[in-house]
Amino acid sequence: MDAEKIALQEDQSRAIRELSLEERGRLLVSACRTAARIERGRLASGLSPSQRAPWPDSTWALLKKYAPNGQQRQADE
């Protein structure tokens, strides 16, 4: 990846971090709805369903670290 692309990604990441949680939530909902529309379009046109990529090891490590804590908090409430 060249320096220009890296700089653009850093700018986009910084812009997302500056959003409020509500704004981030709306962005996430929009992304999910768009992905669902794309998938419905694939299926309607006769294409096979998308194949999801497996989660990276770093995601599993994060879930192992924080999911038990989240489950405990729910039980406490």
C-alpha atoms as a PDB file:
ATOM      1  CA  MET A   1       0.000   0.000   0.000  1.00  0.00           C
ATOM      2  CA  ASP A   2       1.413   3.368  -0.898  1.00  0.00           C
ATOM      3  CA  ALA A   3       1.745   6.349   1.443  1.00  0.00           C
ATOM      4  CA  GLU A   4      -1.189   8.226  -0.113  1.00  0.00           C
ATOM      5  CA  LYS A   5      -3.599   5.348   0.544  1.00  0.00           C
ATOM      6  CA  ILE A   6      -2.330   4.957   4.100  1.00  0.00           C
ATOM      7  CA  ALA A   7      -2.787   8.686   4.744  1.00  0.00           C
ATOM      8  CA  LEU A   8      -6.348   8.529   3.371  1.00  0.00           C
ATOM      9  CA  GLN A   9      -7.191   5.566   5.619  1.00  0.00           C
ATOM     10  CA  GLU A  10      -5.765   7.378   8.642  1.00  0.00           C
ATOM     11  CA  ASP A  11      -7.851  10.462   7.828  1.00  0.00           C
ATOM     12  CA  GLN A  12     -10.989   8.349   7.490  1.00  0.00           C
ATOM     13  CA  SER A  13     -10.265   6.548  10.761  1.00  0.00           C
ATOM     14  CA  ARG A  14      -9.718   9.856  12.545  1.00  0.00           C
ATOM     15  CA  ALA A  15     -13.007  11.214  11.164  1.00  0.00           C
ATOM     16  CA  ILE A  16     -14.892   8.154  12.443  1.00  0.00           C
ATOM     17  CA  ARG A  17     -13.295   8.430  15.894  1.00  0.00           C
ATOM     18  CA  GLU A  18     -14.486  12.046  16.083  1.00  0.00           C
ATOM     19  CA  LEU A  19     -18.132  11.024  15.583  1.00  0.00           C
ATOM     20  CA  SER A  20     -20.442  10.707  18.557  1.00  0.00           C
ATOM     21  CA  LEU A  21     -21.598   7.235  19.568  1.00  0.00           C
ATOM     22  CA  GLU A  22     -25.021   8.016  18.113  1.00  0.00           C
ATOM     23  CA  GLU A  23     -23.457   9.040  14.798  1.00  0.00           C
ATOM     24  CA  ARG A  24     -21.294   5.918  14.765  1.00  0.00           C
ATOM     25  CA  GLY A  25     -24.395   3.841  15.448  1.00  0.00           C
ATOM     26  CA  ARG A  26     -26.238   5.389  12.504  1.00  0.00           C
ATOM     27  CA  LEU A  27     -23.207   4.768  10.288  1.00  0.00           C
ATOM     28  CA  LEU A  28     -23.084   1.120  11.355  1.00  0.00           C
ATOM     29  CA  VAL A  29     -26.819   0.624  10.764  1.00  0.00           C
ATOM     30  CA  SER A  30     -26.463   2.191   7.324  1.00  0.00           C
ATOM     31  CA  ALA A  31     -23.542  -0.089   6.456  1.00  0.00           C
ATOM     32  CA  CYS A  32     -25.489  -3.170   7.587  1.00  0.00           C
ATOM     33  CA  ARG A  33     -28.578  -2.177   5.597  1.00  0.00           C
ATOM     34  CA  THR A  34     -26.449  -1.579   2.514  1.00  0.00           C
ATOM     35  CA  ALA A  35     -24.782  -4.979   2.901  1.00  0.00           C
ATOM     36  CA  ALA A  36     -28.219  -6.619   3.240  1.00  0.00           C
ATOM     37  CA  ARG A  37     -29.448  -4.880   0.067  1.00  0.00           C
ATOM     38  CA  ILE A  38     -26.363  -6.061  -1.818  1.00  0.00           C
ATOM     39  CA  GLU A  39     -26.876  -9.632  -0.597  1.00  0.00           C
ATOM     40  CA  ARG A  40     -30.578  -9.597  -1.542  1.00  0.00           C
ATOM     41  CA  GLY A  41     -29.568  -8.294  -4.967  1.00  0.00           C
ATOM     42  CA  ARG A  42     -27.041 -11.106  -5.385  1.00  0.00           C
ATOM     43  CA  LEU A  43     -29.638 -13.716  -4.516  1.00  0.00           C
ATOM     44  CA  ALA A  44     -32.323 -12.112  -6.713  1.00  0.00           C
ATOM     45  CA  SER A  45     -29.973 -12.148  -9.691  1.00  0.00           C
ATOM     46  CA  GLY A  46     -29.232 -15.848  -9.231  1.00  0.00           C
ATOM     47  CA  LEU A  47     -25.775 -15.505  -7.712  1.00  0.00           C
ATOM     48  CA  SER A  48     -24.757 -17.714  -4.826  1.00  0.00           C
ATOM     49  CA  PRO A  49     -24.761 -16.251  -1.309  1.00  0.00           C
ATOM     50  CA  SER A  50     -21.639 -14.381  -0.266  1.00  0.00           C
ATOM     51  CA  GLN A  51     -19.032 -16.376   1.600  1.00  0.00           C
ATOM     52  CA  ARG A  52     -18.036 -14.680   4.833  1.00  0.00           C
ATOM     53  CA  ALA A  53     -14.373 -14.547   5.686  1.00  0.00           C
ATOM     54  CA  PRO A  54     -13.474 -16.125   9.029  1.00  0.00           C
ATOM     55  CA  TRP A  55     -12.808 -13.733  11.877  1.00  0.00           C
ATOM     56  CA  PRO A  56      -9.114 -13.069  12.473  1.00  0.00           C
ATOM     57  CA  ASP A  57      -7.425 -14.450  15.590  1.00  0.00           C
ATOM     58  CA  SER A  58      -7.246 -10.922  17.032  1.00  0.00           C
ATOM     59  CA  THR A  59     -11.054 -10.711  17.043  1.00  0.00           C
ATOM     60  CA  TRP A  60     -11.369 -14.055  18.826  1.00  0.00           C
ATOM     61  CA  ALA A  61      -8.808 -12.906  21.402  1.00  0.00           C
ATOM     62  CA  LEU A  62     -10.775  -9.707  22.003  1.00  0.00           C
ATOM     63  CA  LEU A  63     -14.022 -11.659  22.436  1.00  0.00           C
ATOM     64  CA  LYS A  64     -12.400 -14.118  24.829  1.00  0.00           C
ATOM     65  CA  LYS A  65     -11.084 -11.215  26.878  1.00  0.00           C
ATOM     66  CA  TYR A  66     -14.236  -9.072  27.044  1.00  0.00           C
ATOM     67  CA  ALA A  67     -17.232 -11.351  26.406  1.00  0.00           C
ATOM     68  CA  PRO A  68     -17.197 -12.991  29.871  1.00  0.00           C
ATOM     69  CA  ASN A  69     -17.125  -9.511  31.422  1.00  0.00           C
ATOM     70  CA  GLY A  70     -20.075  -8.413  29.279  1.00  0.00           C
ATOM     71  CA  GLN A  71     -22.052 -11.517  30.195  1.00  0.00           C
ATOM     72  CA  GLN A  72     -21.381 -10.877  33.890  1.00  0.00           C
ATOM     73  CA  ARG A  73     -22.579  -7.270  33.617  1.00  0.00           C
ATOM     74  CA  GLN A  74     -25.837  -8.420  32.004  1.00  0.00           C
ATOM     75  CA  ALA A  75     -26.419 -10.904  34.815  1.00  0.00           C
ATOM     76  CA  ASP A  76     -25.826  -8.165  37.400  1.00  0.00           C
ATOM     77  CA  GLU A  77     -28.392  -5.769  35.884  1.00  0.00           C
END
